[in-house]
PDB file of N, CA and C in Angstrom:
ATOM      1  N   UNK A   1    -129.303 183.611-110.546  1.00  0.00           N
ATOM      2  CA  UNK A   1    -128.489 182.369-110.319  1.00  0.00           C
ATOM      3  C   UNK A   1    -127.063 182.599-111.018  1.00  0.00           C
ATOM      4  N   UNK A   2    -126.525 181.589-111.267  1.00  0.00           N
ATOM      5  CA  UNK A   2    -125.135 181.681-111.812  1.00  0.00           C
ATOM      6  C   UNK A   2    -124.995 181.912-113.137  1.00  0.00           C
ATOM      7  N   UNK A   3    -123.857 182.703-113.857  1.00  0.00           N
ATOM      8  CA  UNK A   3    -123.944 182.922-115.212  1.00  0.00           C
ATOM      9  C   UNK A   3    -123.385 181.565-115.972  1.00  0.00           C
ATOM     10  N   UNK A   4    -123.820 181.530-117.216  1.00  0.00           N
ATOM     11  CA  UNK A   4    -123.295 180.194-117.988  1.00  0.00           C
ATOM     12  C   UNK A   4    -121.752 180.142-118.059  1.00  0.00           C
ATOM     13  N   UNK A   5    -121.444 178.862-117.982  1.00  0.00           N
ATOM     14  CA  UNK A   5    -119.945 178.470-118.092  1.00  0.00           C
ATOM     15  C   UNK A   5    -119.584 178.542-119.527  1.00  0.00           C
ATOM     16  N   UNK A   6    -118.464 179.201-119.655  1.00  0.00           N
ATOM     17  CA  UNK A   6    -118.021 178.920-121.218  1.00  0.00           C
ATOM     18  C   UNK A   6    -117.137 177.697-121.336  1.00  0.00           C
ATOM     19  N   UNK A   7    -117.338 177.158-122.492  1.00  0.00           N
ATOM     20  CA  UNK A   7    -116.729 175.927-122.805  1.00  0.00           C
ATOM     21  C   UNK A   7    -115.252 176.179-123.303  1.00  0.00           C
ATOM     22  N   UNK A   8    -114.293 175.557-122.855  1.00  0.00           N
ATOM     23  CA  UNK A   8    -112.851 175.555-123.157  1.00  0.00           C
ATOM     24  C   UNK A   8    -112.759 174.778-124.415  1.00  0.00           C
ATOM     25  N   UNK A   9    -112.214 175.346-125.487  1.00  0.00           N
ATOM     26  CA  UNK A   9    -111.957 174.720-126.696  1.00  0.00           C
ATOM     27  C   UNK A   9    -110.316 174.707-127.082  1.00  0.00           C
ATOM     28  N   UNK A  10    -110.117 173.852-128.012  1.00  0.00           N
ATOM     29  CA  UNK A  10    -108.780 173.593-128.417  1.00  0.00           C
ATOM     30  C   UNK A  10    -108.452 174.484-129.666  1.00  0.00           C
ATOM     31  N   UNK A  11    -109.479 175.197-130.042  1.00  0.00           N
ATOM     32  CA  UNK A  11    -109.299 175.947-131.391  1.00  0.00           C
ATOM     33  C   UNK A  11    -107.898 176.908-131.330  1.00  0.00           C
ATOM     34  N   UNK A  12    -107.838 177.663-130.218  1.00  0.00           N
ATOM     35  CA  UNK A  12    -106.463 178.642-130.381  1.00  0.00           C
ATOM     36  C   UNK A  12    -105.187 177.824-130.304  1.00  0.00           C
ATOM     37  N   UNK A  13    -104.997 176.600-129.664  1.00  0.00           N
ATOM     38  CA  UNK A  13    -104.019 175.848-129.751  1.00  0.00           C
ATOM     39  C   UNK A  13    -103.780 175.154-131.039  1.00  0.00           C
ATOM     40  N   UNK A  14    -104.866 174.701-131.551  1.00  0.00           N
ATOM     41  CA  UNK A  14    -104.748 174.076-133.040  1.00  0.00           C
ATOM     42  C   UNK A  14    -104.445 175.129-134.075  1.00  0.00           C
ATOM     43  N   UNK A  15    -104.938 176.481-133.990  1.00  0.00           N
ATOM     44  CA  UNK A  15    -104.567 177.532-134.764  1.00  0.00           C
ATOM     45  C   UNK A  15    -103.128 177.943-134.658  1.00  0.00           C
ATOM     46  N   UNK A  16    -102.625 177.853-133.631  1.00  0.00           N
ATOM     47  CA  UNK A  16    -101.280 178.333-133.227  1.00  0.00           C
ATOM     48  C   UNK A  16    -100.238 177.183-133.685  1.00  0.00           C
ATOM     49  N   UNK A  17    -100.632 176.084-133.462  1.00  0.00           N
ATOM     50  CA  UNK A  17     -99.790 174.869-133.937  1.00  0.00           C
ATOM     51  C   UNK A  17     -99.825 174.871-135.649  1.00  0.00           C
ATOM     52  N   UNK A  18    -100.942 175.232-136.178  1.00  0.00           N
ATOM     53  CA  UNK A  18    -100.969 175.261-137.757  1.00  0.00           C
ATOM     54  C   UNK A  18    -100.273 176.317-138.291  1.00  0.00           C
ATOM     55  N   UNK A  19    -100.194 177.478-137.453  1.00  0.00           N
ATOM     56  CA  UNK A  19     -99.294 178.622-137.960  1.00  0.00           C
ATOM     57  C   UNK A  19     -98.006 178.506-137.792  1.00  0.00           C
ATOM     58  N   UNK A  20     -97.503 177.702-136.798  1.00  0.00           N
ATOM     59  CA  UNK A  20     -96.125 177.358-136.591  1.00  0.00           C
ATOM     60  C   UNK A  20     -95.646 176.322-137.691  1.00  0.00           C
ATOM     61  N   UNK A  21     -96.621 175.408-138.007  1.00  0.00           N
ATOM     62  CA  UNK A  21     -96.149 174.462-139.021  1.00  0.00           C
ATOM     63  C   UNK A  21     -96.059 175.136-140.244  1.00  0.00           C
ATOM     64  N   UNK A  22     -96.895 176.180-140.625  1.00  0.00           N
ATOM     65  CA  UNK A  22     -96.725 176.767-141.947  1.00  0.00           C
ATOM     66  C   UNK A  22     -95.652 177.732-142.014  1.00  0.00           C
ATOM     67  N   UNK A  23     -94.988 178.148-141.081  1.00  0.00           N
ATOM     68  CA  UNK A  23     -93.750 179.008-140.880  1.00  0.00           C
ATOM     69  C   UNK A  23     -92.535 178.028-140.852  1.00  0.00           C
ATOM     70  N   UNK A  24     -92.585 176.904-140.233  1.00  0.00           N
ATOM     71  CA  UNK A  24     -91.456 176.083-139.869  1.00  0.00           C
ATOM     72  C   UNK A  24     -91.120 174.995-141.299  1.00  0.00           C
ATOM     73  N   UNK A  25     -92.209 174.571-141.772  1.00  0.00           N
ATOM     74  CA  UNK A  25     -92.137 173.630-142.813  1.00  0.00           C
ATOM     75  C   UNK A  25     -91.202 174.007-144.010  1.00  0.00           C
ATOM     76  N   UNK A  26     -91.574 175.375-144.560  1.00  0.00           N
ATOM     77  CA  UNK A  26     -90.763 175.629-145.760  1.00  0.00           C
ATOM     78  C   UNK A  26     -89.419 175.995-145.348  1.00  0.00           C
ATOM     79  N   UNK A  27     -89.037 176.355-144.123  1.00  0.00           N
ATOM     80  CA  UNK A  27     -87.571 176.722-143.759  1.00  0.00           C
ATOM     81  C   UNK A  27     -86.772 175.314-143.597  1.00  0.00           C
ATOM     82  N   UNK A  28     -87.596 174.243-143.178  1.00  0.00           N
ATOM     83  CA  UNK A  28     -86.942 173.186-142.993  1.00  0.00           C
ATOM     84  C   UNK A  28     -86.762 172.211-144.303  1.00  0.00           C
ATOM     85  N   UNK A  29     -87.792 172.577-145.226  1.00  0.00           N
ATOM     86  CA  UNK A  29     -87.542 171.811-146.397  1.00  0.00           C
ATOM     87  C   UNK A  29     -86.619 172.403-147.389  1.00  0.00           C
ATOM     88  N   UNK A  30     -86.073 173.439-147.144  1.00  0.00           N
ATOM     89  CA  UNK A  30     -85.116 174.032-148.141  1.00  0.00           C
ATOM     90  C   UNK A  30     -83.818 173.689-147.714  1.00  0.00           C
ATOM     91  N   UNK A  31     -83.736 173.327-146.419  1.00  0.00           N
ATOM     92  CA  UNK A  31     -82.221 172.771-146.081  1.00  0.00           C
ATOM     93  C   UNK A  31     -82.027 171.745-146.403  1.00  0.00           C
ATOM     94  N   UNK A  32     -80.648 171.744-146.922  1.00  0.00           N
ATOM     95  CA  UNK A  32     -80.042 170.386-147.415  1.00  0.00           C
ATOM     96  C   UNK A  32     -78.898 169.743-146.443  1.00  0.00           C
ATOM     97  N   UNK A  33     -78.896 168.435-146.398  1.00  0.00           N
ATOM     98  CA  UNK A  33     -77.914 167.764-145.456  1.00  0.00           C
ATOM     99  C   UNK A  33     -76.907 167.109-146.385  1.00  0.00           C
ATOM    100  N   UNK A  34     -75.633 167.332-145.991  1.00  0.00           N
ATOM    101  CA  UNK A  34     -74.491 166.902-147.015  1.00  0.00           C
ATOM    102  C   UNK A  34     -73.768 165.815-145.942  1.00  0.00           C
ATOM    103  N   UNK A  35     -73.503 164.782-146.461  1.00  0.00           N
ATOM    104  CA  UNK A  35     -72.774 163.724-145.551  1.00  0.00           C
ATOM    105  C   UNK A  35     -71.307 163.995-146.176  1.00  0.00           C
ATOM    106  N   UNK A  36     -70.482 163.853-145.174  1.00  0.00           N
ATOM    107  CA  UNK A  36     -68.944 163.956-145.398  1.00  0.00           C
ATOM    108  C   UNK A  36     -68.665 162.498-146.148  1.00  0.00           C
ATOM    109  N   UNK A  37     -67.744 162.601-146.976  1.00  0.00           N
ATOM    110  CA  UNK A  37     -67.083 161.490-147.874  1.00  0.00           C
ATOM    111  C   UNK A  37     -66.375 160.556-146.888  1.00  0.00           C
ATOM    112  N   UNK A  38     -66.438 159.421-147.361  1.00  0.00           N
ATOM    113  CA  UNK A  38     -65.862 158.386-146.477  1.00  0.00           C
ATOM    114  C   UNK A  38     -64.207 158.553-146.638  1.00  0.00           C
ATOM    115  N   UNK A  39     -63.615 158.470-145.308  1.00  0.00           N
ATOM    116  CA  UNK A  39     -62.164 158.658-145.187  1.00  0.00           C
ATOM    117  C   UNK A  39     -61.253 157.342-145.356  1.00  0.00           C
ATOM    118  N   UNK A  40     -60.376 157.265-145.801  1.00  0.00           N
ATOM    119  CA  UNK A  40     -59.744 156.175-146.346  1.00  0.00           C
ATOM    120  C   UNK A  40     -58.412 156.116-145.262  1.00  0.00           C
ATOM    121  N   UNK A  41     -58.093 154.839-144.919  1.00  0.00           N
ATOM    122  CA  UNK A  41     -56.931 154.842-143.834  1.00  0.00           C
ATOM    123  C   UNK A  41     -56.052 153.717-144.341  1.00  0.00           C
ATOM    124  N   UNK A  42     -54.929 153.841-144.087  1.00  0.00           N
ATOM    125  CA  UNK A  42     -54.005 152.829-144.111  1.00  0.00           C
ATOM    126  C   UNK A  42     -53.283 152.354-142.897  1.00  0.00           C
ATOM    127  N   UNK A  43     -53.052 151.001-142.839  1.00  0.00           N
ATOM    128  CA  UNK A  43     -52.313 150.592-141.614  1.00  0.00           C
ATOM    129  C   UNK A  43     -50.909 150.667-141.526  1.00  0.00           C
ATOM    130  N   UNK A  44     -50.379 151.163-140.558  1.00  0.00           N
ATOM    131  CA  UNK A  44     -49.063 151.327-140.467  1.00  0.00           C
ATOM    132  C   UNK A  44     -48.459 150.721-139.178  1.00  0.00           C
ATOM    133  N   UNK A  45     -47.257 149.973-139.258  1.00  0.00           N
ATOM    134  CA  UNK A  45     -46.664 149.384-138.196  1.00  0.00           C
ATOM    135  C   UNK A  45     -45.649 150.555-137.593  1.00  0.00           C
ATOM    136  N   UNK A  46     -45.651 150.671-136.220  1.00  0.00           N
ATOM    137  CA  UNK A  46     -44.683 151.635-135.893  1.00  0.00           C
ATOM    138  C   UNK A  46     -43.313 151.014-135.880  1.00  0.00           C
ATOM    139  N   UNK A  47     -42.163 151.923-136.206  1.00  0.00           N
ATOM    140  CA  UNK A  47     -40.929 151.228-136.124  1.00  0.00           C
ATOM    141  C   UNK A  47     -40.084 152.317-134.971  1.00  0.00           C
ATOM    142  N   UNK A  48     -39.071 151.562-134.430  1.00  0.00           N
ATOM    143  CA  UNK A  48     -38.242 152.192-133.446  1.00  0.00           C
ATOM    144  C   UNK A  48     -37.765 153.493-133.984  1.00  0.00           C
ATOM    145  N   UNK A  49     -37.955 154.506-133.191  1.00  0.00           N
ATOM    146  CA  UNK A  49     -37.657 155.877-133.645  1.00  0.00           C
ATOM    147  C   UNK A  49     -38.709 156.887-134.137  1.00  0.00           C
ATOM    148  N   UNK A  50     -39.938 155.920-134.569  1.00  0.00           N
ATOM    149  CA  UNK A  50     -41.076 156.853-135.180  1.00  0.00           C
ATOM    150  C   UNK A  50     -41.859 157.420-133.923  1.00  0.00           C
ATOM    151  N   UNK A  51     -42.324 158.696-134.455  1.00  0.00           N
ATOM    152  CA  UNK A  51     -43.090 159.341-133.542  1.00  0.00           C
ATOM    153  C   UNK A  51     -44.472 159.581-134.152  1.00  0.00           C
ATOM    154  N   UNK A  52     -45.440 160.181-133.614  1.00  0.00           N
ATOM    155  CA  UNK A  52     -46.774 160.577-134.155  1.00  0.00           C
ATOM    156  C   UNK A  52     -46.453 161.698-135.250  1.00  0.00           C
ATOM    157  N   UNK A  53     -45.527 162.711-134.967  1.00  0.00           N
ATOM    158  CA  UNK A  53     -45.182 163.756-135.793  1.00  0.00           C
ATOM    159  C   UNK A  53     -44.613 163.352-137.088  1.00  0.00           C
ATOM    160  N   UNK A  54     -43.745 162.426-136.860  1.00  0.00           N
ATOM    161  CA  UNK A  54     -42.795 161.986-137.983  1.00  0.00           C
ATOM    162  C   UNK A  54     -43.829 160.961-138.961  1.00  0.00           C
ATOM    163  N   UNK A  55     -44.683 160.146-138.318  1.00  0.00           N
ATOM    164  CA  UNK A  55     -45.832 159.325-139.148  1.00  0.00           C
ATOM    165  C   UNK A  55     -46.723 160.416-140.130  1.00  0.00           C
ATOM    166  N   UNK A  56     -47.034 161.426-139.173  1.00  0.00           N
ATOM    167  CA  UNK A  56     -48.109 162.400-139.891  1.00  0.00           C
ATOM    168  C   UNK A  56     -47.303 163.239-140.808  1.00  0.00           C
ATOM    169  N   UNK A  57     -46.041 163.632-140.694  1.00  0.00           N
ATOM    170  CA  UNK A  57     -45.179 164.485-141.577  1.00  0.00           C
ATOM    171  C   UNK A  57     -45.238 163.764-142.937  1.00  0.00           C
ATOM    172  N   UNK A  58     -44.972 162.545-142.854  1.00  0.00           N
ATOM    173  CA  UNK A  58     -44.687 161.673-143.875  1.00  0.00           C
ATOM    174  C   UNK A  58     -46.011 161.457-144.856  1.00  0.00           C
ATOM    175  N   UNK A  59     -47.040 161.629-144.249  1.00  0.00           N
ATOM    176  CA  UNK A  59     -48.326 161.222-144.809  1.00  0.00           C
ATOM    177  C   UNK A  59     -49.168 162.488-145.193  1.00  0.00           C
ATOM    178  N   UNK A  60     -48.750 163.644-144.631  1.00  0.00           N
ATOM    179  CA  UNK A  60     -49.701 164.926-144.936  1.00  0.00           C
ATOM    180  C   UNK A  60     -49.377 165.293-146.184  1.00  0.00           C
ATOM    181  N   UNK A  61     -50.359 165.651-146.891  1.00  0.00           N
ATOM    182  CA  UNK A  61     -50.003 166.219-148.251  1.00  0.00           C
ATOM    183  C   UNK A  61     -49.283 167.557-148.355  1.00  0.00           C
ATOM    184  N   UNK A  62     -48.736 167.922-149.312  1.00  0.00           N
ATOM    185  CA  UNK A  62     -47.948 169.258-149.470  1.00  0.00           C
ATOM    186  C   UNK A  62     -49.110 170.394-149.120  1.00  0.00           C
ATOM    187  N   UNK A  63     -48.507 171.243-148.211  1.00  0.00           N
ATOM    188  CA  UNK A  63     -49.393 172.265-148.034  1.00  0.00           C
ATOM    189  C   UNK A  63     -50.509 171.927-146.821  1.00  0.00           C
ATOM    190  N   UNK A  64     -50.606 170.937-146.317  1.00  0.00           N
ATOM    191  CA  UNK A  64     -51.487 170.592-145.552  1.00  0.00           C
ATOM    192  C   UNK A  64     -50.889 170.542-143.985  1.00  0.00           C
ATOM    193  N   UNK A  65     -51.837 170.621-143.061  1.00  0.00           N
ATOM    194  CA  UNK A  65     -51.511 170.798-141.764  1.00  0.00           C
ATOM    195  C   UNK A  65     -51.032 169.626-140.946  1.00  0.00           C
ATOM    196  N   UNK A  66     -49.900 169.430-140.651  1.00  0.00           N
ATOM    197  CA  UNK A  66     -49.325 168.017-139.944  1.00  0.00           C
ATOM    198  C   UNK A  66     -50.140 167.999-138.645  1.00  0.00           C
ATOM    199  N   UNK A  67     -50.386 169.071-137.902  1.00  0.00           N
ATOM    200  CA  UNK A  67     -51.026 168.761-136.473  1.00  0.00           C
ATOM    201  C   UNK A  67     -52.391 168.101-136.694  1.00  0.00           C
ATOM    202  N   UNK A  68     -53.177 168.802-137.740  1.00  0.00           N
ATOM    203  CA  UNK A  68     -54.326 168.002-138.085  1.00  0.00           C
ATOM    204  C   UNK A  68     -54.251 166.545-138.144  1.00  0.00           C
ATOM    205  N   UNK A  69     -53.264 166.150-139.034  1.00  0.00           N
ATOM    206  CA  UNK A  69     -53.204 164.710-139.124  1.00  0.00           C
ATOM    207  C   UNK A  69     -52.759 164.076-137.964  1.00  0.00           C
ATOM    208  N   UNK A  70     -51.869 164.641-137.080  1.00  0.00           N
ATOM    209  CA  UNK A  70     -51.564 164.016-135.773  1.00  0.00           C
ATOM    210  C   UNK A  70     -52.882 163.908-135.132  1.00  0.00           C
ATOM    211  N   UNK A  71     -53.600 164.989-134.883  1.00  0.00           N
ATOM    212  CA  UNK A  71     -55.004 164.815-134.224  1.00  0.00           C
ATOM    213  C   UNK A  71     -55.968 163.908-134.744  1.00  0.00           C
ATOM    214  N   UNK A  72     -55.877 163.610-136.099  1.00  0.00           N
ATOM    215  CA  UNK A  72     -56.776 162.556-136.577  1.00  0.00           C
ATOM    216  C   UNK A  72     -56.184 161.239-136.457  1.00  0.00           C
ATOM    217  N   UNK A  73     -54.865 160.975-136.230  1.00  0.00           N
ATOM    218  CA  UNK A  73     -54.384 159.677-135.834  1.00  0.00           C
ATOM    219  C   UNK A  73     -54.657 159.412-134.357  1.00  0.00           C
ATOM    220  N   UNK A  74     -54.524 160.564-133.509  1.00  0.00           N
ATOM    221  CA  UNK A  74     -54.887 160.181-132.054  1.00  0.00           C
ATOM    222  C   UNK A  74     -56.474 159.868-132.081  1.00  0.00           C
ATOM    223  N   UNK A  75     -57.269 160.610-132.761  1.00  0.00           N
ATOM    224  CA  UNK A  75     -58.636 160.179-132.554  1.00  0.00           C
ATOM    225  C   UNK A  75     -58.989 158.798-133.184  1.00  0.00           C
ATOM    226  N   UNK A  76     -58.652 158.684-134.337  1.00  0.00           N
ATOM    227  CA  UNK A  76     -59.036 157.302-134.875  1.00  0.00           C
ATOM    228  C   UNK A  76     -58.613 156.175-134.170  1.00  0.00           C
ATOM    229  N   UNK A  77     -57.252 156.246-133.603  1.00  0.00           N
ATOM    230  CA  UNK A  77     -56.763 154.923-132.845  1.00  0.00           C
ATOM    231  C   UNK A  77     -57.007 155.158-131.358  1.00  0.00           C
ATOM    232  N   UNK A  78     -57.939 155.953-130.791  1.00  0.00           N
ATOM    233  CA  UNK A  78     -58.180 156.206-129.473  1.00  0.00           C
ATOM    234  C   UNK A  78     -57.005 156.206-128.520  1.00  0.00           C
ATOM    235  N   UNK A  79     -56.044 157.062-129.151  1.00  0.00           N
ATOM    236  CA  UNK A  79     -54.893 157.211-128.280  1.00  0.00           C
ATOM    237  C   UNK A  79     -55.031 158.100-127.008  1.00  0.00           C
ATOM    238  N   UNK A  80     -54.411 157.890-125.936  1.00  0.00           N
ATOM    239  CA  UNK A  80     -54.555 158.798-124.715  1.00  0.00           C
ATOM    240  C   UNK A  80     -53.395 159.812-124.781  1.00  0.00           C
ATOM    241  N   UNK A  81     -52.411 159.583-125.712  1.00  0.00           N
ATOM    242  CA  UNK A  81     -51.355 160.522-125.662  1.00  0.00           C
ATOM    243  C   UNK A  81     -50.491 160.352-126.992  1.00  0.00           C
ATOM    244  N   UNK A  82     -49.319 161.082-126.979  1.00  0.00           N
ATOM    245  CA  UNK A  82     -48.618 161.074-128.300  1.00  0.00           C
ATOM    246  C   UNK A  82     -47.687 159.855-128.295  1.00  0.00           C
ATOM    247  N   UNK A  83     -47.648 159.060-127.184  1.00  0.00           N
ATOM    248  CA  UNK A  83     -46.593 158.089-127.137  1.00  0.00           C
ATOM    249  C   UNK A  83     -46.997 156.706-128.034  1.00  0.00           C
ATOM    250  N   UNK A  84     -46.090 156.334-128.809  1.00  0.00           N
ATOM    251  CA  UNK A  84     -46.407 155.182-129.668  1.00  0.00           C
ATOM    252  C   UNK A  84     -45.247 154.088-129.403  1.00  0.00           C
ATOM    253  N   UNK A  85     -45.439 152.814-129.648  1.00  0.00           N
ATOM    254  CA  UNK A  85     -44.446 151.810-129.182  1.00  0.00           C
ATOM    255  C   UNK A  85     -44.291 151.101-130.399  1.00  0.00           C
ATOM    256  N   UNK A  86     -42.919 150.555-130.598  1.00  0.00           N
ATOM    257  CA  UNK A  86     -42.554 150.016-131.888  1.00  0.00           C
ATOM    258  C   UNK A  86     -43.281 148.593-131.870  1.00  0.00           C
ATOM    259  N   UNK A  87     -43.910 148.313-133.078  1.00  0.00           N
ATOM    260  CA  UNK A  87     -44.677 147.230-133.306  1.00  0.00           C
ATOM    261  C   UNK A  87     -46.214 147.428-133.343  1.00  0.00           C
ATOM    262  N   UNK A  88     -46.503 148.565-132.760  1.00  0.00           N
ATOM    263  CA  UNK A  88     -48.095 149.048-132.530  1.00  0.00           C
ATOM    264  C   UNK A  88     -48.483 149.500-134.157  1.00  0.00           C
ATOM    265  N   UNK A  89     -49.625 149.001-134.452  1.00  0.00           N
ATOM    266  CA  UNK A  89     -50.293 149.277-135.450  1.00  0.00           C
ATOM    267  C   UNK A  89     -51.250 150.351-135.459  1.00  0.00           C
ATOM    268  N   UNK A  90     -51.251 151.159-136.302  1.00  0.00           N
ATOM    269  CA  UNK A  90     -51.957 152.728-136.233  1.00  0.00           C
ATOM    270  C   UNK A  90     -52.641 152.726-137.784  1.00  0.00           C
ATOM    271  N   UNK A  91     -53.898 153.304-137.574  1.00  0.00           N
ATOM    272  CA  UNK A  91     -54.666 153.618-138.687  1.00  0.00           C
ATOM    273  C   UNK A  91     -54.186 155.102-139.169  1.00  0.00           C
ATOM    274  N   UNK A  92     -53.640 155.421-140.337  1.00  0.00           N
ATOM    275  CA  UNK A  92     -53.247 156.709-140.799  1.00  0.00           C
ATOM    276  C   UNK A  92     -54.098 157.110-141.845  1.00  0.00           C
ATOM    277  N   UNK A  93     -54.618 158.410-141.973  1.00  0.00           N
ATOM    278  CA  UNK A  93     -55.360 158.875-143.158  1.00  0.00           C
ATOM    279  C   UNK A  93     -54.573 158.889-144.444  1.00  0.00           C
ATOM    280  N   UNK A  94     -55.202 158.547-145.557  1.00  0.00           N
ATOM    281  CA  UNK A  94     -54.307 158.788-146.770  1.00  0.00           C
ATOM    282  C   UNK A  94     -54.442 160.062-147.481  1.00  0.00           C
TER     283      UNK A  94
END
């Protein structure tokens, strides 16, 4: 007649999942997540003759990168370019 059929078990899959958990859990638990500190902004009204570069230059700390400040102003204010208009209010990092 026919040979007896083998029963399919989940034991190999369970053992593999347990081994994976034993390896992954210590690695994940030792990592630490750090949140960035809150950024502070001041609102500035653009005057005639102001440019993003001049606004950033006046508010970038000594030794800081003015281009980084310009990029932050563009990102925070959702600007499409470097053009600003007199009377426009901009958030500028302190």
